[in-house]
Amino acid sequence: MNSGTMKFDFSKDKSDQAREIMFNVYEALQEKGYNPISQIVGYILSGDPTYITSHKNARILIRKIERDELLEEIVRFYLKSE
């Protein structure tokens, strides 16, 4: 059993892709009249893709990035804004 800390590697390319996907999904949810923040949080917490609209292929897009990668991008963005 390894008691050391695991290192998570998140490359710049994936970060850029995650950011672009998040903005596209946000826009699609907003266009359909949903609360984008609530819907994205629901998806990240549950893994249920039905939280994301199929409008503008948003559901397909968001599933291209793992939920932990999306969460990391959100945390990175939040901490950079402080």
C-alpha atoms as a PDB file:
ATOM      1  CA  MET A   1       0.000   0.000   0.000  1.00  0.00           C
ATOM      2  CA  ASN A   2       1.374   3.383  -1.019  1.00  0.00           C
ATOM      3  CA  SER A   3       0.847   6.075   1.605  1.00  0.00           C
ATOM      4  CA  GLY A   4       2.438   8.815  -0.527  1.00  0.00           C
ATOM      5  CA  THR A   5       0.628  11.636  -2.228  1.00  0.00           C
ATOM      6  CA  MET A   6      -0.599  10.956  -5.743  1.00  0.00           C
ATOM      7  CA  LYS A   7       0.330  13.498  -8.395  1.00  0.00           C
ATOM      8  CA  PHE A   8      -2.336  14.540 -10.850  1.00  0.00           C
ATOM      9  CA  ASP A   9      -1.066  15.781 -14.222  1.00  0.00           C
ATOM     10  CA  PHE A  10      -3.346  18.090 -16.169  1.00  0.00           C
ATOM     11  CA  SER A  11      -1.721  19.362 -19.356  1.00  0.00           C
ATOM     12  CA  LYS A  12      -2.211  22.833 -20.798  1.00  0.00           C
ATOM     13  CA  ASP A  13      -3.936  21.414 -23.887  1.00  0.00           C
ATOM     14  CA  LYS A  14      -6.549  19.628 -21.784  1.00  0.00           C
ATOM     15  CA  SER A  15      -6.998  22.765 -19.698  1.00  0.00           C
ATOM     16  CA  ASP A  16      -7.700  24.832 -22.813  1.00  0.00           C
ATOM     17  CA  GLN A  17     -10.065  22.173 -24.148  1.00  0.00           C
ATOM     18  CA  ALA A  18     -11.931  21.961 -20.829  1.00  0.00           C
ATOM     19  CA  ARG A  19     -12.290  25.740 -20.666  1.00  0.00           C
ATOM     20  CA  GLU A  20     -13.661  25.923 -24.208  1.00  0.00           C
ATOM     21  CA  ILE A  21     -16.107  23.082 -23.565  1.00  0.00           C
ATOM     22  CA  MET A  22     -17.308  24.676 -20.316  1.00  0.00           C
ATOM     23  CA  PHE A  23     -18.025  27.986 -22.054  1.00  0.00           C
ATOM     24  CA  ASN A  24     -19.855  26.246 -24.918  1.00  0.00           C
ATOM     25  CA  VAL A  25     -21.951  24.155 -22.532  1.00  0.00           C
ATOM     26  CA  TYR A  26     -22.716  27.210 -20.394  1.00  0.00           C
ATOM     27  CA  GLU A  27     -23.907  29.111 -23.464  1.00  0.00           C
ATOM     28  CA  ALA A  28     -26.090  26.231 -24.681  1.00  0.00           C
ATOM     29  CA  LEU A  29     -27.716  25.832 -21.251  1.00  0.00           C
ATOM     30  CA  GLN A  30     -28.348  29.564 -21.034  1.00  0.00           C
ATOM     31  CA  GLU A  31     -29.903  29.645 -24.509  1.00  0.00           C
ATOM     32  CA  LYS A  32     -32.335  26.897 -23.491  1.00  0.00           C
ATOM     33  CA  GLY A  33     -33.374  28.825 -20.361  1.00  0.00           C
ATOM     34  CA  TYR A  34     -31.613  26.672 -17.765  1.00  0.00           C
ATOM     35  CA  ASN A  35     -29.512  27.897 -14.844  1.00  0.00           C
ATOM     36  CA  PRO A  36     -26.103  26.876 -16.266  1.00  0.00           C
ATOM     37  CA  ILE A  37     -24.293  26.845 -12.925  1.00  0.00           C
ATOM     38  CA  SER A  38     -26.850  24.554 -11.270  1.00  0.00           C
ATOM     39  CA  GLN A  39     -26.964  22.221 -14.254  1.00  0.00           C
ATOM     40  CA  ILE A  40     -23.179  21.925 -14.556  1.00  0.00           C
ATOM     41  CA  VAL A  41     -22.811  21.338 -10.803  1.00  0.00           C
ATOM     42  CA  GLY A  42     -25.513  18.657 -10.997  1.00  0.00           C
ATOM     43  CA  TYR A  43     -23.632  16.950 -13.799  1.00  0.00           C
ATOM     44  CA  ILE A  44     -20.257  17.097 -12.040  1.00  0.00           C
ATOM     45  CA  LEU A  45     -21.667  15.759  -8.761  1.00  0.00           C
ATOM     46  CA  SER A  46     -23.830  12.999 -10.214  1.00  0.00           C
ATOM     47  CA  GLY A  47     -22.231  12.109 -13.536  1.00  0.00           C
ATOM     48  CA  ASP A  48     -25.723  12.111 -15.047  1.00  0.00           C
ATOM     49  CA  PRO A  49     -25.436  13.652 -18.542  1.00  0.00           C
ATOM     50  CA  THR A  50     -29.143  14.542 -18.597  1.00  0.00           C
ATOM     51  CA  TYR A  51     -28.272  17.633 -16.537  1.00  0.00           C
ATOM     52  CA  ILE A  52     -26.765  18.980 -19.764  1.00  0.00           C
ATOM     53  CA  THR A  53     -28.911  19.932 -22.740  1.00  0.00           C
ATOM     54  CA  SER A  54     -28.325  18.303 -26.100  1.00  0.00           C
ATOM     55  CA  HIS A  55     -28.704  21.774 -27.671  1.00  0.00           C
ATOM     56  CA  LYS A  56     -25.573  22.618 -29.701  1.00  0.00           C
ATOM     57  CA  ASN A  57     -24.231  19.133 -28.883  1.00  0.00           C
ATOM     58  CA  ALA A  58     -23.437  20.334 -25.333  1.00  0.00           C
ATOM     59  CA  ARG A  59     -24.056  16.882 -23.820  1.00  0.00           C
ATOM     60  CA  ILE A  60     -21.638  15.260 -26.249  1.00  0.00           C
ATOM     61  CA  LEU A  61     -19.058  17.993 -25.676  1.00  0.00           C
ATOM     62  CA  ILE A  62     -19.069  17.822 -21.889  1.00  0.00           C
ATOM     63  CA  ARG A  63     -18.590  14.047 -21.950  1.00  0.00           C
ATOM     64  CA  LYS A  64     -15.316  14.499 -23.865  1.00  0.00           C
ATOM     65  CA  ILE A  65     -13.693  15.688 -20.635  1.00  0.00           C
ATOM     66  CA  GLU A  66     -13.637  13.626 -17.441  1.00  0.00           C
ATOM     67  CA  ARG A  67     -15.554  15.141 -14.524  1.00  0.00           C
ATOM     68  CA  ASP A  68     -12.424  15.345 -12.379  1.00  0.00           C
ATOM     69  CA  GLU A  69     -10.726  17.313 -15.148  1.00  0.00           C
ATOM     70  CA  LEU A  70     -13.660  19.715 -15.305  1.00  0.00           C
ATOM     71  CA  LEU A  71     -13.543  20.138 -11.551  1.00  0.00           C
ATOM     72  CA  GLU A  72      -9.816  20.806 -11.641  1.00  0.00           C
ATOM     73  CA  GLU A  73     -10.305  23.467 -14.307  1.00  0.00           C
ATOM     74  CA  ILE A  74     -12.994  25.147 -12.194  1.00  0.00           C
ATOM     75  CA  VAL A  75     -10.765  25.168  -9.104  1.00  0.00           C
ATOM     76  CA  ARG A  76      -7.810  26.475 -11.129  1.00  0.00           C
ATOM     77  CA  PHE A  77      -9.928  29.279 -12.573  1.00  0.00           C
ATOM     78  CA  TYR A  78     -11.350  30.192  -9.163  1.00  0.00           C
ATOM     79  CA  LEU A  79      -7.960  30.334  -7.495  1.00  0.00           C
ATOM     80  CA  LYS A  80      -6.453  32.436 -10.289  1.00  0.00           C
ATOM     81  CA  SER A  81      -9.273  34.977  -9.882  1.00  0.00           C
ATOM     82  CA  GLU A  82      -8.489  35.626  -6.214  1.00  0.00           C
END
